[in-house]
C-alpha atoms as a PDB file:
ATOM      1  CA  MET A   1     -52.052   8.364  51.983  1.00  0.00           C
ATOM      2  CA  ALA A   2     -52.135   6.003  49.187  1.00  0.00           C
ATOM      3  CA  ALA A   3     -55.337   6.355  47.083  1.00  0.00           C
ATOM      4  CA  LEU A   4     -54.186   3.407  44.969  1.00  0.00           C
ATOM      5  CA  GLU A   5     -51.445   0.911  45.420  1.00  0.00           C
ATOM      6  CA  LEU A   6     -50.999  -1.938  43.017  1.00  0.00           C
ATOM      7  CA  ILE A   7     -47.744  -3.978  43.267  1.00  0.00           C
ATOM      8  CA  ASP A   8     -47.342  -7.126  41.423  1.00  0.00           C
ATOM      9  CA  GLU A   9     -45.858  -9.996  43.160  1.00  0.00           C
ATOM     10  CA  THR A  10     -42.890 -10.151  40.599  1.00  0.00           C
ATOM     11  CA  PHE A  11     -41.600  -6.738  41.602  1.00  0.00           C
ATOM     12  CA  ASN A  12     -38.300  -7.012  43.261  1.00  0.00           C
ATOM     13  CA  GLU A  13     -36.664  -3.802  44.587  1.00  0.00           C
ATOM     14  CA  ASN A  14     -33.232  -5.398  44.016  1.00  0.00           C
ATOM     15  CA  ARG A  15     -33.798  -5.451  40.379  1.00  0.00           C
ATOM     16  CA  THR A  16     -34.654  -1.806  39.744  1.00  0.00           C
ATOM     17  CA  GLU A  17     -31.855  -1.377  37.252  1.00  0.00           C
ATOM     18  CA  SER A  18     -33.776  -3.415  34.876  1.00  0.00           C
ATOM     19  CA  TYR A  19     -36.997  -1.387  35.469  1.00  0.00           C
ATOM     20  CA  GLU A  20     -38.255   2.001  34.001  1.00  0.00           C
ATOM     21  CA  LEU A  21     -39.752   4.457  36.480  1.00  0.00           C
ATOM     22  CA  SER A  22     -42.486   7.219  35.486  1.00  0.00           C
ATOM     23  CA  VAL A  23     -43.440   9.895  37.906  1.00  0.00           C
ATOM     24  CA  GLN A  24     -46.127  12.423  37.903  1.00  0.00           C
ATOM     25  CA  PHE A  25     -45.923  15.311  40.231  1.00  0.00           C
ATOM     26  CA  ARG A  26     -48.962  17.102  41.319  1.00  0.00           C
ATOM     27  CA  THR A  27     -49.694  19.787  43.918  1.00  0.00           C
ATOM     28  CA  ASP A  28     -51.842  17.361  45.761  1.00  0.00           C
ATOM     29  CA  GLY A  29     -49.704  14.259  45.485  1.00  0.00           C
ATOM     30  CA  PHE A  30     -47.855  11.950  43.279  1.00  0.00           C
ATOM     31  CA  ALA A  31     -48.495   9.133  40.862  1.00  0.00           C
ATOM     32  CA  PHE A  32     -45.864   6.686  39.643  1.00  0.00           C
ATOM     33  CA  ALA A  33     -45.635   3.441  37.487  1.00  0.00           C
ATOM     34  CA  ILE A  34     -42.869   0.983  37.077  1.00  0.00           C
ATOM     35  CA  ARG A  35     -42.329  -1.134  33.970  1.00  0.00           C
ATOM     36  CA  ASP A  36     -40.209  -4.191  33.893  1.00  0.00           C
ATOM     37  CA  ALA A  37     -38.253  -3.563  30.844  1.00  0.00           C
ATOM     38  CA  GLU A  38     -37.198  -7.086  30.356  1.00  0.00           C
ATOM     39  CA  ARG A  39     -40.769  -8.451  30.347  1.00  0.00           C
ATOM     40  CA  ASN A  40     -42.207  -5.196  28.764  1.00  0.00           C
ATOM     41  CA  THR A  41     -44.792  -5.294  31.521  1.00  0.00           C
ATOM     42  CA  PHE A  42     -45.860  -2.526  34.049  1.00  0.00           C
ATOM     43  CA  ILE A  43     -45.785  -4.144  37.482  1.00  0.00           C
ATOM     44  CA  VAL A  44     -46.321  -1.162  39.932  1.00  0.00           C
ATOM     45  CA  LEU A  45     -48.855   1.586  39.909  1.00  0.00           C
ATOM     46  CA  VAL A  46     -49.131   3.874  42.920  1.00  0.00           C
ATOM     47  CA  ASP A  47     -51.113   7.064  43.534  1.00  0.00           C
ATOM     48  CA  LEU A  48     -50.311   8.973  46.614  1.00  0.00           C
ATOM     49  CA  SER A  49     -52.250  11.943  48.079  1.00  0.00           C
ATOM     50  CA  LEU A  50     -50.620  14.521  50.348  1.00  0.00           C
ATOM     51  CA  SER A  51     -52.288  15.401  53.572  1.00  0.00           C
ATOM     52  CA  VAL A  52     -51.333  19.025  52.979  1.00  0.00           C
ATOM     53  CA  PRO A  53     -51.194  20.050  49.398  1.00  0.00           C
ATOM     54  CA  ILE A  54     -48.404  22.102  47.854  1.00  0.00           C
ATOM     55  CA  ILE A  55     -48.926  25.915  48.476  1.00  0.00           C
ATOM     56  CA  ASP A  56     -45.521  27.515  48.483  1.00  0.00           C
ATOM     57  CA  HIS A  57     -43.534  26.056  45.549  1.00  0.00           C
ATOM     58  CA  ASP A  58     -40.230  27.334  47.046  1.00  0.00           C
ATOM     59  CA  THR A  59     -40.553  25.680  50.362  1.00  0.00           C
ATOM     60  CA  ASP A  60     -43.089  22.854  50.353  1.00  0.00           C
ATOM     61  CA  TRP A  61     -41.576  20.344  47.756  1.00  0.00           C
ATOM     62  CA  GLU A  62     -38.673  19.066  49.857  1.00  0.00           C
ATOM     63  CA  ALA A  63     -41.119  17.903  52.602  1.00  0.00           C
ATOM     64  CA  ALA A  64     -43.510  16.418  50.036  1.00  0.00           C
ATOM     65  CA  LEU A  65     -40.725  14.500  48.234  1.00  0.00           C
ATOM     66  CA  ALA A  66     -39.429  13.408  51.738  1.00  0.00           C
ATOM     67  CA  THR A  67     -42.940  11.892  52.306  1.00  0.00           C
ATOM     68  CA  LEU A  68     -42.963  10.077  49.010  1.00  0.00           C
ATOM     69  CA  THR A  69     -39.599   8.546  49.327  1.00  0.00           C
ATOM     70  CA  ALA A  70     -40.154   7.567  53.115  1.00  0.00           C
ATOM     71  CA  ALA A  71     -43.331   5.596  51.915  1.00  0.00           C
ATOM     72  CA  TYR A  72     -41.612   4.145  48.937  1.00  0.00           C
ATOM     73  CA  PRO A  73     -37.788   3.976  49.500  1.00  0.00           C
ATOM     74  CA  TYR A  74     -37.206   2.004  46.422  1.00  0.00           C
ATOM     75  CA  LEU A  75     -37.775   5.220  44.335  1.00  0.00           C
ATOM     76  CA  LEU A  76     -34.185   6.165  45.395  1.00  0.00           C
ATOM     77  CA  ARG A  77     -32.769   3.207  43.800  1.00  0.00           C
ATOM     78  CA  ARG A  78     -31.106   3.191  40.380  1.00  0.00           C
ATOM     79  CA  TYR A  79     -33.468   2.513  37.385  1.00  0.00           C
ATOM     80  CA  LYS A  80     -32.776   1.870  33.782  1.00  0.00           C
ATOM     81  CA  ARG A  81     -34.680   5.039  33.116  1.00  0.00           C
ATOM     82  CA  VAL A  82     -36.499   7.713  35.149  1.00  0.00           C
ATOM     83  CA  SER A  83     -39.072   9.982  33.368  1.00  0.00           C
ATOM     84  CA  VAL A  84     -40.822  12.821  35.402  1.00  0.00           C
ATOM     85  CA  TRP A  85     -43.215  15.631  34.605  1.00  0.00           C
ATOM     86  CA  MET A  86     -45.358  17.977  36.325  1.00  0.00           C
ATOM     87  CA  HIS A  87     -49.141  17.781  36.075  1.00  0.00           C
ATOM     88  CA  ASN A  88     -51.046  20.830  34.787  1.00  0.00           C
ATOM     89  CA  ALA A  89     -47.709  22.555  34.116  1.00  0.00           C
ATOM     90  CA  PRO A  90     -47.897  25.658  32.016  1.00  0.00           C
ATOM     91  CA  CYS A  91     -46.657  24.458  28.538  1.00  0.00           C
ATOM     92  CA  THR A  92     -46.901  24.990  24.822  1.00  0.00           C
ATOM     93  CA  PHE A  93     -45.705  23.455  21.586  1.00  0.00           C
ATOM     94  CA  VAL A  94     -43.505  25.383  19.063  1.00  0.00           C
ATOM     95  CA  PRO A  95     -41.944  24.429  15.739  1.00  0.00           C
ATOM     96  CA  GLU A  96     -38.339  23.664  16.307  1.00  0.00           C
ATOM     97  CA  ALA A  97     -37.296  26.146  13.825  1.00  0.00           C
ATOM     98  CA  LEU A  98     -38.899  28.954  15.814  1.00  0.00           C
ATOM     99  CA  LEU A  99     -37.117  28.244  19.116  1.00  0.00           C
ATOM    100  CA  ALA A 100     -33.854  30.142  20.014  1.00  0.00           C
ATOM    101  CA  PRO A 101     -31.896  29.754  23.159  1.00  0.00           C
ATOM    102  CA  ASP A 102     -33.150  33.097  24.586  1.00  0.00           C
ATOM    103  CA  ASN A 103     -36.828  33.088  23.400  1.00  0.00           C
ATOM    104  CA  ALA A 104     -38.298  29.960  25.107  1.00  0.00           C
ATOM    105  CA  LYS A 105     -39.760  31.938  28.087  1.00  0.00           C
ATOM    106  CA  ALA A 106     -41.196  34.744  25.763  1.00  0.00           C
ATOM    107  CA  LEU A 107     -42.868  32.032  23.671  1.00  0.00           C
ATOM    108  CA  LEU A 108     -44.427  30.222  26.710  1.00  0.00           C
ATOM    109  CA  GLU A 109     -45.706  33.598  28.172  1.00  0.00           C
ATOM    110  CA  LEU A 110     -47.655  34.257  24.999  1.00  0.00           C
ATOM    111  CA  VAL A 111     -50.187  31.786  26.315  1.00  0.00           C
ATOM    112  CA  HIS A 112     -49.324  31.162  29.973  1.00  0.00           C
ATOM    113  CA  PRO A 113     -48.151  33.272  32.884  1.00  0.00           C
ATOM    114  CA  VAL A 114     -44.932  31.775  34.144  1.00  0.00           C
ATOM    115  CA  PRO A 115     -44.285  32.237  38.037  1.00  0.00           C
ATOM    116  CA  PRO A 116     -40.866  33.483  38.715  1.00  0.00           C
ATOM    117  CA  THR A 117     -40.043  30.534  41.023  1.00  0.00           C
ATOM    118  CA  TYR A 118     -40.486  28.346  37.766  1.00  0.00           C
ATOM    119  CA  GLU A 119     -37.631  27.063  35.484  1.00  0.00           C
ATOM    120  CA  LEU A 120     -38.233  25.816  31.959  1.00  0.00           C
ATOM    121  CA  HIS A 121     -37.785  22.389  30.547  1.00  0.00           C
ATOM    122  CA  LEU A 122     -37.701  21.813  26.761  1.00  0.00           C
ATOM    123  CA  SER A 123     -38.831  18.311  25.357  1.00  0.00           C
ATOM    124  CA  PRO A 124     -38.560  17.447  21.614  1.00  0.00           C
ATOM    125  CA  MET A 125     -41.473  15.897  19.938  1.00  0.00           C
ATOM    126  CA  GLN A 126     -42.973  15.035  16.571  1.00  0.00           C
ATOM    127  CA  PHE A 127     -46.129  17.005  15.994  1.00  0.00           C
ATOM    128  CA  ASN A 128     -48.235  16.927  12.806  1.00  0.00           C
ATOM    129  CA  GLY A 129     -45.227  15.263  11.026  1.00  0.00           C
ATOM    130  CA  GLN A 130     -42.786  18.102  12.083  1.00  0.00           C
ATOM    131  CA  SER A 131     -40.136  18.404  14.787  1.00  0.00           C
ATOM    132  CA  ALA A 132     -41.578  20.415  17.626  1.00  0.00           C
ATOM    133  CA  ILE A 133     -40.524  21.426  21.095  1.00  0.00           C
ATOM    134  CA  GLU A 134     -42.642  21.479  24.121  1.00  0.00           C
ATOM    135  CA  ILE A 135     -41.737  24.301  26.544  1.00  0.00           C
ATOM    136  CA  ALA A 136     -43.052  23.620  30.058  1.00  0.00           C
ATOM    137  CA  GLY A 137     -42.567  25.284  33.277  1.00  0.00           C
ATOM    138  CA  VAL A 138     -41.631  23.437  36.452  1.00  0.00           C
ATOM    139  CA  PRO A 139     -41.072  24.654  39.904  1.00  0.00           C
ATOM    140  CA  SER A 140     -37.317  25.081  40.422  1.00  0.00           C
ATOM    141  CA  ALA A 141     -37.419  23.782  43.958  1.00  0.00           C
ATOM    142  CA  LEU A 142     -39.171  20.659  42.869  1.00  0.00           C
ATOM    143  CA  ALA A 143     -36.760  20.082  40.058  1.00  0.00           C
ATOM    144  CA  ALA A 144     -33.657  20.728  42.124  1.00  0.00           C
ATOM    145  CA  GLU A 145     -34.925  18.452  44.911  1.00  0.00           C
ATOM    146  CA  TRP A 146     -35.886  15.578  42.796  1.00  0.00           C
ATOM    147  CA  LEU A 147     -32.718  15.790  40.631  1.00  0.00           C
ATOM    148  CA  ARG A 148     -30.657  15.516  43.978  1.00  0.00           C
ATOM    149  CA  LEU A 149     -32.580  12.348  44.853  1.00  0.00           C
ATOM    150  CA  GLN A 150     -32.651  10.892  41.294  1.00  0.00           C
ATOM    151  CA  PRO A 151     -29.890  12.582  39.311  1.00  0.00           C
ATOM    152  CA  GLN A 152     -30.394  10.520  36.063  1.00  0.00           C
ATOM    153  CA  SER A 153     -34.052  11.624  35.725  1.00  0.00           C
ATOM    154  CA  HIS A 154     -35.295  12.986  32.453  1.00  0.00           C
ATOM    155  CA  PHE A 155     -38.133  15.682  32.431  1.00  0.00           C
ATOM    156  CA  VAL A 156     -40.404  14.698  29.464  1.00  0.00           C
ATOM    157  CA  ALA A 157     -43.014  16.442  27.757  1.00  0.00           C
ATOM    158  CA  THR A 158     -45.927  17.310  30.117  1.00  0.00           C
ATOM    159  CA  MET A 159     -48.516  16.687  27.345  1.00  0.00           C
ATOM    160  CA  GLY A 160     -46.351  14.292  25.345  1.00  0.00           C
ATOM    161  CA  HIS A 161     -48.584  11.169  26.219  1.00  0.00           C
ATOM    162  CA  LEU A 162     -51.457  12.869  24.213  1.00  0.00           C
ATOM    163  CA  ALA A 163     -49.609  12.810  20.931  1.00  0.00           C
ATOM    164  CA  TYR A 164     -48.074   9.437  21.077  1.00  0.00           C
ATOM    165  CA  ARG A 165     -50.289   6.628  19.560  1.00  0.00           C
ATOM    166  CA  GLY A 166     -49.054   3.665  21.791  1.00  0.00           C
ATOM    167  CA  TYR A 167     -52.344   1.983  21.661  1.00  0.00           C
ATOM    168  CA  VAL A 168     -54.743   0.188  19.369  1.00  0.00           C
ATOM    169  CA  CYS A 169     -57.061   2.554  17.499  1.00  0.00           C
ATOM    170  CA  PRO A 170     -59.224   1.460  14.451  1.00  0.00           C
ATOM    171  CA  TRP A 171     -59.297   5.153  13.175  1.00  0.00           C
ATOM    172  CA  ASP A 172     -56.723   7.495  11.564  1.00  0.00           C
ATOM    173  CA  THR A 173     -58.867  10.680  12.013  1.00  0.00           C
ATOM    174  CA  TYR A 174     -60.381  10.979  15.376  1.00  0.00           C
ATOM    175  CA  LEU A 175     -60.690  13.015  18.580  1.00  0.00           C
ATOM    176  CA  LEU A 176     -58.687  11.700  21.567  1.00  0.00           C
ATOM    177  CA  LEU A 177     -60.331  13.066  24.755  1.00  0.00           C
ATOM    178  CA  GLU A 178     -58.629  12.567  28.136  1.00  0.00           C
ATOM    179  CA  LEU A 179     -60.794  13.228  31.047  1.00  0.00           C
ATOM    180  CA  ASP A 180     -58.435  14.654  33.546  1.00  0.00           C
ATOM    181  CA  GLY A 181     -60.082  14.775  36.872  1.00  0.00           C
ATOM    182  CA  GLU A 182     -63.347  16.740  37.602  1.00  0.00           C
ATOM    183  CA  THR A 183     -62.444  20.122  36.056  1.00  0.00           C
ATOM    184  CA  ARG A 184     -60.059  19.496  33.052  1.00  0.00           C
ATOM    185  CA  ILE A 185     -60.160  17.784  29.724  1.00  0.00           C
ATOM    186  CA  ASN A 186     -57.203  17.349  27.302  1.00  0.00           C
ATOM    187  CA  ALA A 187     -57.888  16.939  23.606  1.00  0.00           C
ATOM    188  CA  VAL A 188     -55.996  15.868  20.592  1.00  0.00           C
ATOM    189  CA  LEU A 189     -57.228  15.706  17.065  1.00  0.00           C
ATOM    190  CA  PHE A 190     -55.598  13.154  14.958  1.00  0.00           C
ATOM    191  CA  ASP A 191     -55.811  13.431  11.116  1.00  0.00           C
ATOM    192  CA  SER A 192     -54.386  10.580   8.894  1.00  0.00           C
ATOM    193  CA  GLY A 193     -52.657   9.022  12.084  1.00  0.00           C
ATOM    194  CA  LYS A 194     -50.819  12.169  12.980  1.00  0.00           C
ATOM    195  CA  PRO A 195     -51.446  14.758  15.788  1.00  0.00           C
ATOM    196  CA  LEU A 196     -53.029  17.719  14.079  1.00  0.00           C
ATOM    197  CA  ALA A 197     -53.908  19.931  17.173  1.00  0.00           C
ATOM    198  CA  VAL A 198     -53.852  19.838  20.956  1.00  0.00           C
ATOM    199  CA  ASN A 199     -55.594  21.804  23.731  1.00  0.00           C
ATOM    200  CA  THR A 200     -56.784  21.659  27.268  1.00  0.00           C
ATOM    201  CA  PHE A 201     -60.056  22.982  28.589  1.00  0.00           C
ATOM    202  CA  SER A 202     -61.367  23.587  32.033  1.00  0.00           C
ATOM    203  CA  VAL A 203     -64.977  22.281  32.503  1.00  0.00           C
ATOM    204  CA  LYS A 204     -67.690  22.239  35.137  1.00  0.00           C
ATOM    205  CA  SER A 205     -70.143  19.931  33.468  1.00  0.00           C
ATOM    206  CA  PRO A 206     -70.495  17.318  30.749  1.00  0.00           C
ATOM    207  CA  ALA A 207     -72.239  19.991  28.661  1.00  0.00           C
ATOM    208  CA  ASP A 208     -68.880  22.042  28.966  1.00  0.00           C
ATOM    209  CA  ALA A 209     -66.808  19.114  27.761  1.00  0.00           C
ATOM    210  CA  LEU A 210     -69.230  18.644  24.726  1.00  0.00           C
ATOM    211  CA  TYR A 211     -69.135  22.316  23.988  1.00  0.00           C
ATOM    212  CA  TYR A 212     -65.414  22.736  23.889  1.00  0.00           C
ATOM    213  CA  ALA A 213     -64.844  19.369  22.034  1.00  0.00           C
ATOM    214  CA  ILE A 214     -67.296  20.385  19.043  1.00  0.00           C
ATOM    215  CA  GLY A 215     -65.538  23.811  19.047  1.00  0.00           C
ATOM    216  CA  PHE A 216     -62.218  22.381  18.916  1.00  0.00           C
ATOM    217  CA  ALA A 217     -63.099  19.859  16.162  1.00  0.00           C
ATOM    218  CA  ARG A 218     -64.828  22.594  13.892  1.00  0.00           C
ATOM    219  CA  SER A 219     -61.671  24.887  14.550  1.00  0.00           C
ATOM    220  CA  GLN A 220     -59.763  22.410  12.452  1.00  0.00           C
ATOM    221  CA  ASN A 221     -62.616  22.111   9.855  1.00  0.00           C
ATOM    222  CA  LEU A 222     -63.597  18.581  10.804  1.00  0.00           C
ATOM    223  CA  ASP A 223     -67.190  17.372  10.540  1.00  0.00           C
ATOM    224  CA  VAL A 224     -68.311  16.473  13.936  1.00  0.00           C
ATOM    225  CA  VAL A 225     -70.982  14.004  12.827  1.00  0.00           C
ATOM    226  CA  GLN A 226     -68.371  11.944  10.955  1.00  0.00           C
ATOM    227  CA  LEU A 227     -65.565  12.107  13.807  1.00  0.00           C
ATOM    228  CA  PRO A 228     -65.284   9.353  16.193  1.00  0.00           C
ATOM    229  CA  VAL A 229     -63.913   9.875  19.733  1.00  0.00           C
ATOM    230  CA  LYS A 230     -61.624   7.838  21.790  1.00  0.00           C
ATOM    231  CA  MET A 231     -62.184   8.728  25.396  1.00  0.00           C
ATOM    232  CA  VAL A 232     -59.698   7.787  28.177  1.00  0.00           C
ATOM    233  CA  GLY A 233     -58.894   8.972  31.769  1.00  0.00           C
ATOM    234  CA  SER A 234     -61.370   9.238  34.512  1.00  0.00           C
ATOM    235  CA  HIS A 235     -64.335  11.472  35.750  1.00  0.00           C
ATOM    236  CA  PRO A 236     -67.168  11.165  38.296  1.00  0.00           C
ATOM    237  CA  GLN A 237     -69.721  11.782  35.562  1.00  0.00           C
ATOM    238  CA  GLU A 238     -67.912   9.701  32.776  1.00  0.00           C
ATOM    239  CA  ALA A 239     -71.049   7.822  31.914  1.00  0.00           C
ATOM    240  CA  ASP A 240     -73.012  11.033  31.491  1.00  0.00           C
ATOM    241  CA  ILE A 241     -70.171  12.485  29.268  1.00  0.00           C
ATOM    242  CA  VAL A 242     -69.953   9.307  27.059  1.00  0.00           C
ATOM    243  CA  ALA A 243     -73.896   9.374  26.638  1.00  0.00           C
ATOM    244  CA  LEU A 244     -73.959  13.054  25.713  1.00  0.00           C
ATOM    245  CA  PHE A 245     -71.077  12.725  23.118  1.00  0.00           C
ATOM    246  CA  GLN A 246     -72.797   9.655  21.649  1.00  0.00           C
ATOM    247  CA  ARG A 247     -75.529  11.971  20.560  1.00  0.00           C
ATOM    248  CA  TYR A 248     -73.307  14.287  18.562  1.00  0.00           C
ATOM    249  CA  PHE A 249     -70.218  12.436  17.340  1.00  0.00           C
ATOM    250  CA  ARG A 250     -69.986   9.280  15.075  1.00  0.00           C
ATOM    251  CA  GLU A 251     -68.894   6.995  17.656  1.00  0.00           C
ATOM    252  CA  VAL A 252     -67.498   6.994  21.188  1.00  0.00           C
ATOM    253  CA  ALA A 253     -65.102   4.277  22.149  1.00  0.00           C
ATOM    254  CA  THR A 254     -63.907   3.867  25.944  1.00  0.00           C
ATOM    255  CA  GLY A 255     -61.303   1.670  27.366  1.00  0.00           C
ATOM    256  CA  ILE A 256     -57.867   1.066  25.944  1.00  0.00           C
ATOM    257  CA  ILE A 257     -55.424  -1.611  24.673  1.00  0.00           C
ATOM    258  CA  TYR A 258     -51.956  -0.668  24.471  1.00  0.00           C
ATOM    259  CA  ASN A 259     -49.560  -1.979  21.693  1.00  0.00           C
ATOM    260  CA  HIS A 260     -46.282  -1.037  23.376  1.00  0.00           C
ATOM    261  CA  ALA A 261     -46.552  -2.728  26.758  1.00  0.00           C
ATOM    262  CA  LEU A 262     -48.297  -5.392  28.830  1.00  0.00           C
ATOM    263  CA  PHE A 263     -49.906  -5.173  32.414  1.00  0.00           C
ATOM    264  CA  ALA A 264     -49.604  -7.381  35.345  1.00  0.00           C
ATOM    265  CA  TYR A 265     -52.972  -8.742  36.167  1.00  0.00           C
ATOM    266  CA  ARG A 266     -53.404  -6.381  39.235  1.00  0.00           C
ATOM    267  CA  LEU A 267     -52.973  -3.343  37.000  1.00  0.00           C
ATOM    268  CA  ASN A 268     -55.152  -4.562  34.085  1.00  0.00           C
ATOM    269  CA  LYS A 269     -58.185  -2.288  34.837  1.00  0.00           C
ATOM    270  CA  GLN A 270     -56.132   0.861  35.208  1.00  0.00           C
ATOM    271  CA  GLY A 271     -54.881   1.456  31.736  1.00  0.00           C
ATOM    272  CA  SER A 272     -57.447   4.153  30.816  1.00  0.00           C
ATOM    273  CA  SER A 273     -57.553   5.982  34.225  1.00  0.00           C
ATOM    274  CA  TYR A 274     -53.837   6.429  34.264  1.00  0.00           C
ATOM    275  CA  PHE A 275     -53.467   6.983  30.519  1.00  0.00           C
ATOM    276  CA  CYS A 276     -50.771   9.777  31.188  1.00  0.00           C
ATOM    277  CA  LEU A 277     -48.400   7.318  32.982  1.00  0.00           C
ATOM    278  CA  PHE A 278     -48.793   4.574  30.552  1.00  0.00           C
ATOM    279  CA  ASN A 279     -48.999   6.064  27.000  1.00  0.00           C
ATOM    280  CA  ARG A 280     -45.307   7.221  26.753  1.00  0.00           C
END
């Protein structure tokens, strides 16, 4: 069942070769966005929940993808570019110089357990002014089935949207905080306009979010009182989180204006909630 379905009237499934498709896989569903590359405008945003969530990563993905493509058959057409990633995948960043062909799994397992049914995907990034690689685990069955359906797809950095400054921001040193559902926050500290550190925290309350954010900032020797916060994403208690952060941080800004793409009017209000789809 589609939790959100916003399709601009300019969308034409016969013009997909001039469109760019971004797909986020989750164990409870999918979200995807389509950008008209010629107009530099996002024209489709869909969030689809599965009636039965993924439990067995070996056997459940084929049926789940069949559900997705049956509901939206134009996803099987040819696009100018197809970018895909797995939400909440085990991942880490390493300097490019440390990565060797045979040590990616060992490096990832230093911070996350990697299920035996997962395969690794490597994505180049610029992090703190240096070349880095994100190592991310993806269910092998998901990767194989999706690539069968869309063989030109590129698996992109799971957390890459956090380090990319594709939005208007008045500060060079600040904390970017993404509210990722009810129990997770993603955080990036920027210093002099460059990503300094990135982390993800599990939270149960607004107080948890504040506690981890302050600790994260202090771990990089930044003064919380002087540090502004850019807050994106969505959370049922977002208003409470904003109010709490305003008591401790210099400034808290919500909402977002992108400097790399426009939005059809039906999608205008979704820029912050679906930050992971748009800021790439």
